[in-house]
Each structure stands twice: as C-alpha cells, then as structure tokens.
Amino acid sequence: MGRNNERNIKKHNDKLHKAQDKAKQAVIARKEKLKEIIKKFNEDKKQEE
C-alpha cells in the first residue's frame, strides 16, 4: 500500500480542511464573544456616569 495513493491523499486533505474549518470557527466565535463583552462593558460605563 503506497502512501501517496488518491484515497490517502483525499483522506488527509479532508482531515486537514476539517481542522482548518474548526480553527476558523473558533476565531469567529472568540471575536463574537469579545464584541458582546465590549458592548456590555460600554453599557455598564454609561450607567455609572
């Protein structure tokens, strides 16, 4: 069984792309949470004034 046959290449690429998509989603989720935290922080600051 060769390492560079089509099936193994496809399996590797699918695994790689899945990992990349997961990382990308994590970054997006982190940014969304940060936006919410900043928004809440700013609202709290306005109430204090």
N, C-alpha and C. Protein backbone atom coordinates (compact mmCIF):
# COMPACT_ATOMS: atom_id res chain seq x y z
N MET A 1 0.85 -1.19 0.00
CA MET A 1 0.00 0.00 0.00
C MET A 1 0.89 1.24 0.00
N GLY A 2 0.76 2.06 -1.03
CA GLY A 2 1.57 3.26 -1.14
C GLY A 2 1.01 4.40 -0.31
N ARG A 3 1.88 5.26 0.09
CA ARG A 3 1.43 6.40 0.91
C ARG A 3 0.71 7.44 0.08
N ASN A 4 1.13 7.58 -1.16
CA ASN A 4 0.59 8.67 -1.97
C ASN A 4 -0.48 8.20 -2.96
N ASN A 5 -1.35 7.31 -2.54
CA ASN A 5 -2.44 6.97 -3.44
C ASN A 5 -3.59 7.95 -3.22
N GLU A 6 -4.50 7.99 -4.18
CA GLU A 6 -5.57 9.01 -4.18
C GLU A 6 -6.41 8.97 -2.90
N ARG A 7 -6.71 7.77 -2.44
CA ARG A 7 -7.57 7.63 -1.27
C ARG A 7 -6.91 8.25 -0.04
N ASN A 8 -5.63 7.97 0.15
CA ASN A 8 -4.92 8.51 1.31
C ASN A 8 -4.78 10.03 1.22
N ILE A 9 -4.53 10.53 0.02
CA ILE A 9 -4.40 11.98 -0.16
C ILE A 9 -5.73 12.65 0.17
N LYS A 10 -6.83 12.09 -0.34
CA LYS A 10 -8.16 12.66 -0.08
C LYS A 10 -8.47 12.63 1.41
N LYS A 11 -8.18 11.52 2.06
CA LYS A 11 -8.45 11.38 3.49
C LYS A 11 -7.66 12.43 4.28
N HIS A 12 -6.40 12.61 3.91
CA HIS A 12 -5.55 13.59 4.58
C HIS A 12 -6.08 15.01 4.38
N ASN A 13 -6.43 15.34 3.13
CA ASN A 13 -6.93 16.69 2.84
C ASN A 13 -8.25 16.97 3.56
N ASP A 14 -9.13 15.96 3.61
CA ASP A 14 -10.40 16.14 4.32
C ASP A 14 -10.15 16.43 5.80
N LYS A 15 -9.24 15.67 6.38
CA LYS A 15 -8.89 15.85 7.79
C LYS A 15 -8.30 17.24 8.02
N LEU A 16 -7.42 17.65 7.13
CA LEU A 16 -6.77 18.96 7.23
C LEU A 16 -7.80 20.08 7.12
N HIS A 17 -8.67 19.99 6.12
CA HIS A 17 -9.67 21.05 5.93
C HIS A 17 -10.65 21.11 7.09
N LYS A 18 -10.99 19.96 7.65
CA LYS A 18 -11.87 19.93 8.80
C LYS A 18 -11.22 20.66 9.97
N ALA A 19 -9.94 20.41 10.19
CA ALA A 19 -9.22 21.06 11.28
C ALA A 19 -9.12 22.57 11.05
N GLN A 20 -8.87 22.96 9.80
CA GLN A 20 -8.78 24.39 9.47
C GLN A 20 -10.12 25.08 9.68
N ASP A 21 -11.22 24.42 9.27
CA ASP A 21 -12.55 25.00 9.46
C ASP A 21 -12.87 25.15 10.94
N LYS A 22 -12.47 24.16 11.73
CA LYS A 22 -12.72 24.21 13.17
C LYS A 22 -11.96 25.38 13.79
N ALA A 23 -10.72 25.58 13.38
CA ALA A 23 -9.92 26.69 13.90
C ALA A 23 -10.53 28.03 13.49
N LYS A 24 -10.99 28.10 12.25
CA LYS A 24 -11.59 29.33 11.75
C LYS A 24 -12.86 29.66 12.53
N GLN A 25 -13.68 28.65 12.81
CA GLN A 25 -14.91 28.85 13.58
C GLN A 25 -14.58 29.31 15.01
N ALA A 26 -13.51 28.78 15.58
CA ALA A 26 -13.11 29.16 16.93
C ALA A 26 -12.73 30.64 16.97
N VAL A 27 -12.02 31.10 15.95
CA VAL A 27 -11.62 32.51 15.87
C VAL A 27 -12.86 33.40 15.76
N ILE A 28 -13.81 32.99 14.92
CA ILE A 28 -15.03 33.77 14.73
C ILE A 28 -15.82 33.83 16.04
N ALA A 29 -15.94 32.71 16.72
CA ALA A 29 -16.67 32.66 17.99
C ALA A 29 -16.02 33.55 19.03
N ARG A 30 -14.68 33.54 19.07
CA ARG A 30 -13.95 34.38 20.02
C ARG A 30 -14.22 35.86 19.75
N LYS A 31 -14.22 36.25 18.49
CA LYS A 31 -14.49 37.65 18.13
C LYS A 31 -15.90 38.05 18.53
N GLU A 32 -16.87 37.16 18.29
CA GLU A 32 -18.25 37.44 18.67
C GLU A 32 -18.37 37.65 20.18
N LYS A 33 -17.74 36.77 20.95
CA LYS A 33 -17.79 36.90 22.41
C LYS A 33 -17.15 38.20 22.86
N LEU A 34 -16.03 38.55 22.23
CA LEU A 34 -15.34 39.78 22.59
C LEU A 34 -16.22 40.99 22.32
N LYS A 35 -16.93 40.99 21.18
CA LYS A 35 -17.84 42.08 20.86
C LYS A 35 -18.92 42.23 21.93
N GLU A 36 -19.47 41.08 22.36
CA GLU A 36 -20.51 41.11 23.39
C GLU A 36 -19.97 41.66 24.70
N ILE A 37 -18.78 41.23 25.08
CA ILE A 37 -18.16 41.69 26.33
C ILE A 37 -17.91 43.20 26.27
N ILE A 38 -17.38 43.68 25.15
CA ILE A 38 -17.11 45.12 25.00
C ILE A 38 -18.41 45.91 25.06
N LYS A 39 -19.45 45.39 24.39
CA LYS A 39 -20.74 46.07 24.38
C LYS A 39 -21.28 46.18 25.81
N LYS A 40 -21.21 45.09 26.56
CA LYS A 40 -21.71 45.09 27.94
C LYS A 40 -20.87 46.03 28.81
N PHE A 41 -19.56 46.01 28.61
CA PHE A 41 -18.68 46.89 29.37
C PHE A 41 -19.03 48.35 29.11
N ASN A 42 -19.24 48.70 27.85
CA ASN A 42 -19.59 50.08 27.50
C ASN A 42 -20.93 50.49 28.08
N GLU A 43 -21.89 49.57 28.10
CA GLU A 43 -23.20 49.88 28.70
C GLU A 43 -23.05 50.13 30.20
N ASP A 44 -22.24 49.32 30.86
CA ASP A 44 -22.01 49.50 32.30
C ASP A 44 -21.34 50.84 32.57
N LYS A 45 -20.41 51.22 31.72
CA LYS A 45 -19.73 52.52 31.89
C LYS A 45 -20.71 53.67 31.76
N LYS A 46 -21.64 53.58 30.79
CA LYS A 46 -22.62 54.63 30.59
C LYS A 46 -23.55 54.77 31.80
N GLN A 47 -23.89 53.66 32.41
CA GLN A 47 -24.78 53.68 33.57
C GLN A 47 -24.10 54.33 34.77
N GLU A 48 -22.79 54.17 34.87
CA GLU A 48 -22.05 54.75 36.01
C GLU A 48 -21.98 56.28 35.93
N GLU A 49 -21.99 56.81 34.71
CA GLU A 49 -21.84 58.27 34.55
C GLU A 49 -23.05 59.05 34.95
